[in-house]
């Protein structure tokens, strides 16, 4: 199992210098990844400063050499695919091939879409997500792209440089379990990043639910797929190594391959450097 640190892109972490502080501490303490949120507006946290996730990740990439980096997760329907392809490829080049691309619809939909005049509903956003993901894959190939779809059109475009990772960064898909559609989408790519209706951000999911999810996704994987597949779970673990092991060990046995360390969304430390740094410097759980 590998271990990452999860940061919102607001509050103290709107400042790239604070993200660099956490990223360097995470690398020194033995963590394997650093992921930031991708929000332009979250009314629950309105009034706090927000930072652009790709600028935050660029700062982290320049300050580190080993840990994986990415936005967890990127709302693909909110972006133009060509813009997103450029940003991800540039970050992958800069970091030496350390980007993970985690994608989903994003939300809250009312905040992130409707507030800016995009009145699309979830079904239409899901169509844009699937078409956008396919376009990203083709753009990252470094070859010419022609596309005429329901939502996007591309006429003889080649985007270079391509990402360092071939055929592109691993693509993880997020969504709420037990909703099946996002996990069927995840099965077509390289990883699943589930949130759980019964365990909101920062809460540890139930082992039985994790087993059900892992079994469902594996059952929808195409035969003969040779790329690794990741199951990324997250929550808040204790500083005490033995207690953290007791939390994560059963989830690892159930099929989890990454643990994403998060502050409680309703807690005071969610976007505070001191609280996050204290947990990061204690190091990842040891199984």
C-alpha atoms as a PDB file:
ATOM      1  CA  UNK A   1       0.000   0.000   0.000  1.00  0.00           C
ATOM      2  CA  UNK A   2       1.118   3.556  -0.730  1.00  0.00           C
ATOM      3  CA  UNK A   3       0.270   6.694   1.228  1.00  0.00           C
ATOM      4  CA  UNK A   4      -0.595  10.250   0.191  1.00  0.00           C
ATOM      5  CA  UNK A   5      -1.442  13.566   1.814  1.00  0.00           C
ATOM      6  CA  UNK A   6      -4.633  15.402   0.828  1.00  0.00           C
ATOM      7  CA  UNK A   7      -4.938  19.220   0.853  1.00  0.00           C
ATOM      8  CA  UNK A   8      -7.832  21.542   0.028  1.00  0.00           C
ATOM      9  CA  UNK A   9      -6.899  24.346  -2.356  1.00  0.00           C
ATOM     10  CA  UNK A  10      -8.218  27.012  -0.012  1.00  0.00           C
ATOM     11  CA  UNK A  11      -7.463  28.501   3.371  1.00  0.00           C
ATOM     12  CA  UNK A  12      -3.765  28.231   4.238  1.00  0.00           C
ATOM     13  CA  UNK A  13      -3.230  26.096   1.136  1.00  0.00           C
ATOM     14  CA  UNK A  14      -4.282  28.818  -1.275  1.00  0.00           C
ATOM     15  CA  UNK A  15      -0.663  29.949  -0.751  1.00  0.00           C
ATOM     16  CA  UNK A  16       1.735  27.841  -2.869  1.00  0.00           C
ATOM     17  CA  UNK A  17       4.467  28.355  -0.283  1.00  0.00           C
ATOM     18  CA  UNK A  18       2.413  26.471   2.310  1.00  0.00           C
ATOM     19  CA  UNK A  19       1.793  23.656  -0.179  1.00  0.00           C
ATOM     20  CA  UNK A  20       5.558  23.480  -0.766  1.00  0.00           C
ATOM     21  CA  UNK A  21       6.111  23.240   2.995  1.00  0.00           C
ATOM     22  CA  UNK A  22       3.775  20.238   3.195  1.00  0.00           C
ATOM     23  CA  UNK A  23       5.130  18.632   0.024  1.00  0.00           C
ATOM     24  CA  UNK A  24       8.740  18.754   1.160  1.00  0.00           C
ATOM     25  CA  UNK A  25       7.803  17.516   4.635  1.00  0.00           C
ATOM     26  CA  UNK A  26       5.804  14.673   3.083  1.00  0.00           C
ATOM     27  CA  UNK A  27       8.700  13.593   0.890  1.00  0.00           C
ATOM     28  CA  UNK A  28      11.126  13.694   3.816  1.00  0.00           C
ATOM     29  CA  UNK A  29       8.749  11.743   6.081  1.00  0.00           C
ATOM     30  CA  UNK A  30       8.253   8.918   3.567  1.00  0.00           C
ATOM     31  CA  UNK A  31       4.836   9.663   2.073  1.00  0.00           C
ATOM     32  CA  UNK A  32       4.290   8.583  -1.542  1.00  0.00           C
ATOM     33  CA  UNK A  33       2.028  11.317  -2.901  1.00  0.00           C
ATOM     34  CA  UNK A  34       0.461  14.734  -2.438  1.00  0.00           C
ATOM     35  CA  UNK A  35      -2.985  15.562  -3.838  1.00  0.00           C
ATOM     36  CA  UNK A  36      -4.868  18.859  -3.807  1.00  0.00           C
ATOM     37  CA  UNK A  37      -8.523  19.680  -4.340  1.00  0.00           C
ATOM     38  CA  UNK A  38      -9.701  21.394  -7.518  1.00  0.00           C
ATOM     39  CA  UNK A  39     -12.420  23.947  -6.726  1.00  0.00           C
ATOM     40  CA  UNK A  40     -13.095  27.393  -8.096  1.00  0.00           C
ATOM     41  CA  UNK A  41     -16.049  27.855  -5.754  1.00  0.00           C
ATOM     42  CA  UNK A  42     -17.290  25.927  -2.744  1.00  0.00           C
ATOM     43  CA  UNK A  43     -19.883  28.058  -0.976  1.00  0.00           C
ATOM     44  CA  UNK A  44     -19.472  26.126   2.245  1.00  0.00           C
ATOM     45  CA  UNK A  45     -15.957  27.578   2.372  1.00  0.00           C
ATOM     46  CA  UNK A  46     -16.676  30.903   0.679  1.00  0.00           C
ATOM     47  CA  UNK A  47     -14.857  33.860   2.170  1.00  0.00           C
ATOM     48  CA  UNK A  48     -11.564  31.962   2.312  1.00  0.00           C
ATOM     49  CA  UNK A  49      -8.840  32.429  -0.305  1.00  0.00           C
ATOM     50  CA  UNK A  50      -8.649  29.772  -3.044  1.00  0.00           C
ATOM     51  CA  UNK A  51      -5.572  28.809  -5.057  1.00  0.00           C
ATOM     52  CA  UNK A  52      -5.389  27.384  -8.561  1.00  0.00           C
ATOM     53  CA  UNK A  53      -4.602  23.673  -8.167  1.00  0.00           C
ATOM     54  CA  UNK A  54      -2.215  23.515 -11.141  1.00  0.00           C
ATOM     55  CA  UNK A  55      -0.156  26.406  -9.797  1.00  0.00           C
ATOM     56  CA  UNK A  56      -0.062  24.740  -6.381  1.00  0.00           C
ATOM     57  CA  UNK A  57       1.058  21.454  -7.935  1.00  0.00           C
ATOM     58  CA  UNK A  58       3.690  23.205 -10.031  1.00  0.00           C
ATOM     59  CA  UNK A  59       5.197  24.679  -6.880  1.00  0.00           C
ATOM     60  CA  UNK A  60       5.156  21.239  -5.234  1.00  0.00           C
ATOM     61  CA  UNK A  61       6.779  19.632  -8.283  1.00  0.00           C
ATOM     62  CA  UNK A  62       9.652  22.130  -8.251  1.00  0.00           C
ATOM     63  CA  UNK A  63      10.300  21.465  -4.554  1.00  0.00           C
ATOM     64  CA  UNK A  64      10.223  17.637  -4.650  1.00  0.00           C
ATOM     65  CA  UNK A  65      11.765  14.784  -6.617  1.00  0.00           C
ATOM     66  CA  UNK A  66       9.946  11.576  -5.651  1.00  0.00           C
ATOM     67  CA  UNK A  67       6.331  11.900  -4.534  1.00  0.00           C
ATOM     68  CA  UNK A  68       3.404  11.524  -6.929  1.00  0.00           C
ATOM     69  CA  UNK A  69       1.329  14.660  -7.560  1.00  0.00           C
ATOM     70  CA  UNK A  70      -2.162  15.424  -8.765  1.00  0.00           C
ATOM     71  CA  UNK A  71      -5.534  17.037  -8.208  1.00  0.00           C
ATOM     72  CA  UNK A  72      -7.986  14.837  -6.359  1.00  0.00           C
ATOM     73  CA  UNK A  73     -10.102  15.250  -8.265  1.00  0.00           C
ATOM     74  CA  UNK A  74     -10.315  17.296 -11.471  1.00  0.00           C
ATOM     75  CA  UNK A  75     -13.850  18.128 -12.679  1.00  0.00           C
ATOM     76  CA  UNK A  76     -13.183  17.448 -16.358  1.00  0.00           C
ATOM     77  CA  UNK A  77     -16.536  18.885 -17.604  1.00  0.00           C
ATOM     78  CA  UNK A  78     -15.583  22.248 -16.123  1.00  0.00           C
ATOM     79  CA  UNK A  79     -12.493  22.506 -18.361  1.00  0.00           C
ATOM     80  CA  UNK A  80     -11.767  22.706 -22.052  1.00  0.00           C
ATOM     81  CA  UNK A  81     -10.049  19.384 -22.835  1.00  0.00           C
ATOM     82  CA  UNK A  82      -7.231  21.020 -24.797  1.00  0.00           C
ATOM     83  CA  UNK A  83      -6.432  23.344 -21.896  1.00  0.00           C
ATOM     84  CA  UNK A  84      -6.457  20.490 -19.427  1.00  0.00           C
ATOM     85  CA  UNK A  85      -4.305  18.289 -21.657  1.00  0.00           C
ATOM     86  CA  UNK A  86      -1.681  21.050 -21.841  1.00  0.00           C
ATOM     87  CA  UNK A  87      -1.651  21.636 -18.082  1.00  0.00           C
ATOM     88  CA  UNK A  88      -1.291  17.966 -17.213  1.00  0.00           C
ATOM     89  CA  UNK A  89       1.368  17.292 -19.851  1.00  0.00           C
ATOM     90  CA  UNK A  90       3.381  20.326 -18.726  1.00  0.00           C
ATOM     91  CA  UNK A  91       3.234  19.237 -15.086  1.00  0.00           C
ATOM     92  CA  UNK A  92       4.217  15.686 -16.027  1.00  0.00           C
ATOM     93  CA  UNK A  93       7.209  17.017 -17.950  1.00  0.00           C
ATOM     94  CA  UNK A  94       8.209  19.318 -15.094  1.00  0.00           C
ATOM     95  CA  UNK A  95       7.912  16.593 -12.450  1.00  0.00           C
ATOM     96  CA  UNK A  96       9.697  13.918 -14.459  1.00  0.00           C
ATOM     97  CA  UNK A  97       6.600  11.772 -14.911  1.00  0.00           C
ATOM     98  CA  UNK A  98       5.076  11.937 -11.421  1.00  0.00           C
ATOM     99  CA  UNK A  99       1.509  13.046 -12.239  1.00  0.00           C
ATOM    100  CA  UNK A 100      -1.623  11.080 -11.393  1.00  0.00           C
ATOM    101  CA  UNK A 101      -4.757  12.357 -13.097  1.00  0.00           C
ATOM    102  CA  UNK A 102      -7.879  11.831 -11.002  1.00  0.00           C
ATOM    103  CA  UNK A 103     -11.141  12.851 -12.659  1.00  0.00           C
ATOM    104  CA  UNK A 104     -14.838  13.116 -11.983  1.00  0.00           C
ATOM    105  CA  UNK A 105     -17.844  15.412 -12.264  1.00  0.00           C
ATOM    106  CA  UNK A 106     -16.744  17.564  -9.361  1.00  0.00           C
ATOM    107  CA  UNK A 107     -19.098  19.527  -7.226  1.00  0.00           C
ATOM    108  CA  UNK A 108     -21.116  20.842  -5.639  1.00  0.00           C
ATOM    109  CA  UNK A 109     -22.698  21.156  -9.090  1.00  0.00           C
ATOM    110  CA  UNK A 110     -24.737  24.197  -8.055  1.00  0.00           C
ATOM    111  CA  UNK A 111     -21.560  25.982  -6.923  1.00  0.00           C
ATOM    112  CA  UNK A 112     -19.024  24.894  -9.536  1.00  0.00           C
ATOM    113  CA  UNK A 113     -21.243  24.962 -12.615  1.00  0.00           C
ATOM    114  CA  UNK A 114     -24.555  26.753 -12.142  1.00  0.00           C
ATOM    115  CA  UNK A 115     -22.949  29.760 -10.428  1.00  0.00           C
ATOM    116  CA  UNK A 116     -21.097  30.454 -13.675  1.00  0.00           C
ATOM    117  CA  UNK A 117     -24.000  29.958 -16.057  1.00  0.00           C
ATOM    118  CA  UNK A 118     -23.411  26.285 -16.889  1.00  0.00           C
ATOM    119  CA  UNK A 119     -26.816  24.759 -16.193  1.00  0.00           C
ATOM    120  CA  UNK A 120     -25.968  21.213 -17.303  1.00  0.00           C
ATOM    121  CA  UNK A 121     -27.409  18.418 -15.184  1.00  0.00           C
ATOM    122  CA  UNK A 122     -25.493  15.372 -13.944  1.00  0.00           C
ATOM    123  CA  UNK A 123     -26.322  13.229 -16.993  1.00  0.00           C
ATOM    124  CA  UNK A 124     -24.993  15.841 -19.425  1.00  0.00           C
ATOM    125  CA  UNK A 125     -21.931  16.441 -17.269  1.00  0.00           C
ATOM    126  CA  UNK A 126     -21.259  12.688 -17.273  1.00  0.00           C
ATOM    127  CA  UNK A 127     -21.361  12.716 -21.087  1.00  0.00           C
ATOM    128  CA  UNK A 128     -18.850  15.568 -21.132  1.00  0.00           C
ATOM    129  CA  UNK A 129     -16.670  13.703 -18.653  1.00  0.00           C
ATOM    130  CA  UNK A 130     -16.509  10.569 -20.802  1.00  0.00           C
ATOM    131  CA  UNK A 131     -15.933  12.449 -24.043  1.00  0.00           C
ATOM    132  CA  UNK A 132     -13.374  14.706 -22.364  1.00  0.00           C
ATOM    133  CA  UNK A 133     -11.437  11.751 -20.939  1.00  0.00           C
ATOM    134  CA  UNK A 134     -11.234  10.136 -24.358  1.00  0.00           C
ATOM    135  CA  UNK A 135      -9.965  13.384 -25.858  1.00  0.00           C
ATOM    136  CA  UNK A 136      -7.335  13.734 -23.129  1.00  0.00           C
ATOM    137  CA  UNK A 137      -6.077  10.235 -23.860  1.00  0.00           C
ATOM    138  CA  UNK A 138      -5.745  11.075 -27.548  1.00  0.00           C
ATOM    139  CA  UNK A 139      -4.118  14.477 -26.950  1.00  0.00           C
ATOM    140  CA  UNK A 140      -1.549  12.858 -24.619  1.00  0.00           C
ATOM    141  CA  UNK A 141      -0.547  10.446 -27.388  1.00  0.00           C
ATOM    142  CA  UNK A 142       1.334  13.258 -29.104  1.00  0.00           C
ATOM    143  CA  UNK A 143      -0.282  12.372 -32.397  1.00  0.00           C
ATOM    144  CA  UNK A 144      -2.780  14.265 -34.566  1.00  0.00           C
ATOM    145  CA  UNK A 145      -6.335  14.374 -33.235  1.00  0.00           C
ATOM    146  CA  UNK A 146      -9.532  14.768 -35.225  1.00  0.00           C
ATOM    147  CA  UNK A 147     -12.763  14.516 -33.284  1.00  0.00           C
ATOM    148  CA  UNK A 148     -16.384  15.370 -33.910  1.00  0.00           C
ATOM    149  CA  UNK A 149     -18.436  14.529 -30.844  1.00  0.00           C
ATOM    150  CA  UNK A 150     -21.599  15.675 -29.165  1.00  0.00           C
ATOM    151  CA  UNK A 151     -19.802  18.181 -26.938  1.00  0.00           C
ATOM    152  CA  UNK A 152     -16.341  18.782 -28.425  1.00  0.00           C
ATOM    153  CA  UNK A 153     -14.794  19.206 -31.850  1.00  0.00           C
ATOM    154  CA  UNK A 154     -11.111  19.028 -32.795  1.00  0.00           C
ATOM    155  CA  UNK A 155      -9.699  19.572 -36.277  1.00  0.00           C
ATOM    156  CA  UNK A 156      -6.235  18.171 -36.996  1.00  0.00           C
ATOM    157  CA  UNK A 157      -4.557  19.185 -33.733  1.00  0.00           C
ATOM    158  CA  UNK A 158      -1.293  17.820 -32.307  1.00  0.00           C
ATOM    159  CA  UNK A 159      -0.368  18.882 -28.782  1.00  0.00           C
ATOM    160  CA  UNK A 160       3.329  18.635 -27.885  1.00  0.00           C
ATOM    161  CA  UNK A 161       5.183  17.894 -25.757  1.00  0.00           C
ATOM    162  CA  UNK A 162       3.386  14.745 -24.726  1.00  0.00           C
ATOM    163  CA  UNK A 163       3.535  13.645 -21.080  1.00  0.00           C
ATOM    164  CA  UNK A 164       6.633  11.773 -19.927  1.00  0.00           C
ATOM    165  CA  UNK A 165       4.480   8.823 -18.891  1.00  0.00           C
ATOM    166  CA  UNK A 166       3.320   6.698 -21.785  1.00  0.00           C
ATOM    167  CA  UNK A 167       0.621   6.349 -22.973  1.00  0.00           C
ATOM    168  CA  UNK A 168      -0.157   9.050 -20.406  1.00  0.00           C
ATOM    169  CA  UNK A 169      -0.511   9.615 -16.662  1.00  0.00           C
ATOM    170  CA  UNK A 170      -2.570   7.014 -14.818  1.00  0.00           C
ATOM    171  CA  UNK A 171      -6.234   8.017 -14.773  1.00  0.00           C
ATOM    172  CA  UNK A 172      -8.221   7.467 -11.584  1.00  0.00           C
ATOM    173  CA  UNK A 173     -11.972   8.043 -11.471  1.00  0.00           C
ATOM    174  CA  UNK A 174     -13.869   9.367  -8.471  1.00  0.00           C
ATOM    175  CA  UNK A 175     -17.486   9.002  -7.452  1.00  0.00           C
ATOM    176  CA  UNK A 176     -19.814   8.142  -4.606  1.00  0.00           C
ATOM    177  CA  UNK A 177     -20.361   4.527  -3.669  1.00  0.00           C
ATOM    178  CA  UNK A 178     -22.801   2.730  -3.814  1.00  0.00           C
ATOM    179  CA  UNK A 179     -23.609   4.573  -7.068  1.00  0.00           C
ATOM    180  CA  UNK A 180     -22.602   2.099  -9.754  1.00  0.00           C
ATOM    181  CA  UNK A 181     -22.070   4.282 -12.835  1.00  0.00           C
ATOM    182  CA  UNK A 182     -18.895   6.083 -11.596  1.00  0.00           C
ATOM    183  CA  UNK A 183     -17.306   2.783 -10.598  1.00  0.00           C
ATOM    184  CA  UNK A 184     -18.112   1.218 -13.980  1.00  0.00           C
ATOM    185  CA  UNK A 185     -16.355   4.231 -15.502  1.00  0.00           C
ATOM    186  CA  UNK A 186     -13.398   3.704 -13.156  1.00  0.00           C
ATOM    187  CA  UNK A 187     -13.116   0.076 -14.269  1.00  0.00           C
ATOM    188  CA  UNK A 188     -12.302   1.311 -17.792  1.00  0.00           C
ATOM    189  CA  UNK A 189      -9.334   3.334 -16.566  1.00  0.00           C
ATOM    190  CA  UNK A 190      -6.527   2.895 -14.005  1.00  0.00           C
ATOM    191  CA  UNK A 191      -8.025   3.420 -10.589  1.00  0.00           C
ATOM    192  CA  UNK A 192     -11.058   4.145  -8.428  1.00  0.00           C
ATOM    193  CA  UNK A 193     -11.265   6.948  -5.864  1.00  0.00           C
ATOM    194  CA  UNK A 194     -14.543   6.298  -4.092  1.00  0.00           C
ATOM    195  CA  UNK A 195     -16.266   8.523  -1.603  1.00  0.00           C
ATOM    196  CA  UNK A 196     -18.833   6.795   0.556  1.00  0.00           C
ATOM    197  CA  UNK A 197     -22.334   7.964   1.374  1.00  0.00           C
ATOM    198  CA  UNK A 198     -21.809   6.477   4.846  1.00  0.00           C
ATOM    199  CA  UNK A 199     -18.323   7.957   5.419  1.00  0.00           C
ATOM    200  CA  UNK A 200     -17.950  11.535   4.243  1.00  0.00           C
ATOM    201  CA  UNK A 201     -14.601  13.229   3.676  1.00  0.00           C
ATOM    202  CA  UNK A 202     -12.159  12.315   6.438  1.00  0.00           C
ATOM    203  CA  UNK A 203     -14.245   9.440   7.802  1.00  0.00           C
ATOM    204  CA  UNK A 204     -12.914   5.897   7.470  1.00  0.00           C
ATOM    205  CA  UNK A 205     -15.140   3.662   5.294  1.00  0.00           C
ATOM    206  CA  UNK A 206     -16.532   0.347   6.491  1.00  0.00           C
ATOM    207  CA  UNK A 207     -14.512  -2.711   5.470  1.00  0.00           C
ATOM    208  CA  UNK A 208     -17.589  -4.531   4.167  1.00  0.00           C
ATOM    209  CA  UNK A 209     -18.418  -1.639   1.824  1.00  0.00           C
ATOM    210  CA  UNK A 210     -14.854  -1.585   0.547  1.00  0.00           C
ATOM    211  CA  UNK A 211     -14.994  -5.307  -0.208  1.00  0.00           C
ATOM    212  CA  UNK A 212     -18.251  -4.824  -2.112  1.00  0.00           C
ATOM    213  CA  UNK A 213     -16.807  -1.966  -4.134  1.00  0.00           C
ATOM    214  CA  UNK A 214     -13.568  -3.789  -4.970  1.00  0.00           C
ATOM    215  CA  UNK A 215     -15.505  -6.846  -6.090  1.00  0.00           C
ATOM    216  CA  UNK A 216     -17.843  -4.756  -8.221  1.00  0.00           C
ATOM    217  CA  UNK A 217     -15.043  -2.882 -10.002  1.00  0.00           C
ATOM    218  CA  UNK A 218     -12.981  -6.016 -10.581  1.00  0.00           C
ATOM    219  CA  UNK A 219     -16.050  -7.658 -12.063  1.00  0.00           C
ATOM    220  CA  UNK A 220     -16.288  -4.860 -14.640  1.00  0.00           C
ATOM    221  CA  UNK A 221     -12.612  -4.786 -15.625  1.00  0.00           C
ATOM    222  CA  UNK A 222     -11.900  -5.923 -19.171  1.00  0.00           C
ATOM    223  CA  UNK A 223     -10.128  -9.265 -19.466  1.00  0.00           C
ATOM    224  CA  UNK A 224      -6.479  -9.024 -20.455  1.00  0.00           C
ATOM    225  CA  UNK A 225      -5.895  -5.534 -19.071  1.00  0.00           C
ATOM    226  CA  UNK A 226      -2.251  -5.411 -17.979  1.00  0.00           C
ATOM    227  CA  UNK A 227      -1.994  -1.904 -16.491  1.00  0.00           C
ATOM    228  CA  UNK A 228      -2.030  -1.769 -12.679  1.00  0.00           C
ATOM    229  CA  UNK A 229      -5.317  -0.770 -11.077  1.00  0.00           C
ATOM    230  CA  UNK A 230      -5.489   1.244  -7.864  1.00  0.00           C
ATOM    231  CA  UNK A 231      -8.161   1.430  -5.181  1.00  0.00           C
ATOM    232  CA  UNK A 232      -7.682   4.743  -3.376  1.00  0.00           C
ATOM    233  CA  UNK A 233      -9.325   5.157   0.009  1.00  0.00           C
ATOM    234  CA  UNK A 234      -8.954   8.002   2.448  1.00  0.00           C
ATOM    235  CA  UNK A 235      -9.675   9.298   5.890  1.00  0.00           C
ATOM    236  CA  UNK A 236      -8.037  10.594   9.045  1.00  0.00           C
ATOM    237  CA  UNK A 237      -5.797   8.215  11.000  1.00  0.00           C
ATOM    238  CA  UNK A 238      -4.307   8.622  14.490  1.00  0.00           C
ATOM    239  CA  UNK A 239      -0.738   9.790  15.023  1.00  0.00           C
ATOM    240  CA  UNK A 240      -0.050   6.578  16.933  1.00  0.00           C
ATOM    241  CA  UNK A 241       1.406   4.082  14.415  1.00  0.00           C
ATOM    242  CA  UNK A 242      -0.197   1.013  15.973  1.00  0.00           C
ATOM    243  CA  UNK A 243      -3.643   2.607  16.044  1.00  0.00           C
ATOM    244  CA  UNK A 244      -3.251   3.783  12.446  1.00  0.00           C
ATOM    245  CA  UNK A 245      -2.285   0.243  11.431  1.00  0.00           C
ATOM    246  CA  UNK A 246      -5.433  -1.092  13.076  1.00  0.00           C
ATOM    247  CA  UNK A 247      -7.502   1.306  10.955  1.00  0.00           C
ATOM    248  CA  UNK A 248      -5.819   0.698   7.604  1.00  0.00           C
ATOM    249  CA  UNK A 249      -4.786  -2.963   7.814  1.00  0.00           C
ATOM    250  CA  UNK A 250      -8.291  -4.392   7.247  1.00  0.00           C
ATOM    251  CA  UNK A 251      -8.872  -1.979   4.338  1.00  0.00           C
ATOM    252  CA  UNK A 252      -5.637  -3.129   2.724  1.00  0.00           C
ATOM    253  CA  UNK A 253      -6.764  -6.740   3.143  1.00  0.00           C
ATOM    254  CA  UNK A 254     -10.051  -5.773   1.447  1.00  0.00           C
ATOM    255  CA  UNK A 255      -8.184  -4.544  -1.640  1.00  0.00           C
ATOM    256  CA  UNK A 256      -7.168  -0.911  -1.032  1.00  0.00           C
ATOM    257  CA  UNK A 257      -3.811  -0.016  -2.623  1.00  0.00           C
ATOM    258  CA  UNK A 258      -3.518   3.667  -1.612  1.00  0.00           C
ATOM    259  CA  UNK A 259      -4.399   5.452   1.605  1.00  0.00           C
ATOM    260  CA  UNK A 260      -5.042   9.203   1.207  1.00  0.00           C
ATOM    261  CA  UNK A 261      -4.631  10.962   4.557  1.00  0.00           C
ATOM    262  CA  UNK A 262      -7.323  13.626   5.006  1.00  0.00           C
ATOM    263  CA  UNK A 263      -8.528  16.021   7.658  1.00  0.00           C
ATOM    264  CA  UNK A 264     -12.198  15.861   8.588  1.00  0.00           C
ATOM    265  CA  UNK A 265     -14.154  18.168   6.294  1.00  0.00           C
ATOM    266  CA  UNK A 266     -16.130  19.429   9.277  1.00  0.00           C
ATOM    267  CA  UNK A 267     -13.048  19.786  11.479  1.00  0.00           C
ATOM    268  CA  UNK A 268     -11.079  22.940  12.302  1.00  0.00           C
ATOM    269  CA  UNK A 269      -7.842  21.587  10.816  1.00  0.00           C
ATOM    270  CA  UNK A 270      -9.121  21.011   7.279  1.00  0.00           C
ATOM    271  CA  UNK A 271      -7.313  23.967   5.690  1.00  0.00           C
ATOM    272  CA  UNK A 272      -4.826  24.814   8.456  1.00  0.00           C
ATOM    273  CA  UNK A 273      -1.112  24.319   7.848  1.00  0.00           C
ATOM    274  CA  UNK A 274      -0.253  23.533  11.465  1.00  0.00           C
ATOM    275  CA  UNK A 275      -2.742  20.668  11.798  1.00  0.00           C
ATOM    276  CA  UNK A 276      -1.809  19.088   8.468  1.00  0.00           C
ATOM    277  CA  UNK A 277       1.922  19.487   9.007  1.00  0.00           C
ATOM    278  CA  UNK A 278       1.714  17.833  12.420  1.00  0.00           C
ATOM    279  CA  UNK A 279       0.178  14.722  10.856  1.00  0.00           C
ATOM    280  CA  UNK A 280       2.522  14.733   7.852  1.00  0.00           C
ATOM    281  CA  UNK A 281       5.690  14.998   9.918  1.00  0.00           C
ATOM    282  CA  UNK A 282       4.602  11.991  11.991  1.00  0.00           C
ATOM    283  CA  UNK A 283       4.954   9.926   8.835  1.00  0.00           C
ATOM    284  CA  UNK A 284       2.619   7.554   7.013  1.00  0.00           C
ATOM    285  CA  UNK A 285       1.081   4.538   8.744  1.00  0.00           C
ATOM    286  CA  UNK A 286       3.248   1.423   8.792  1.00  0.00           C
ATOM    287  CA  UNK A 287       1.581  -1.866   7.904  1.00  0.00           C
END
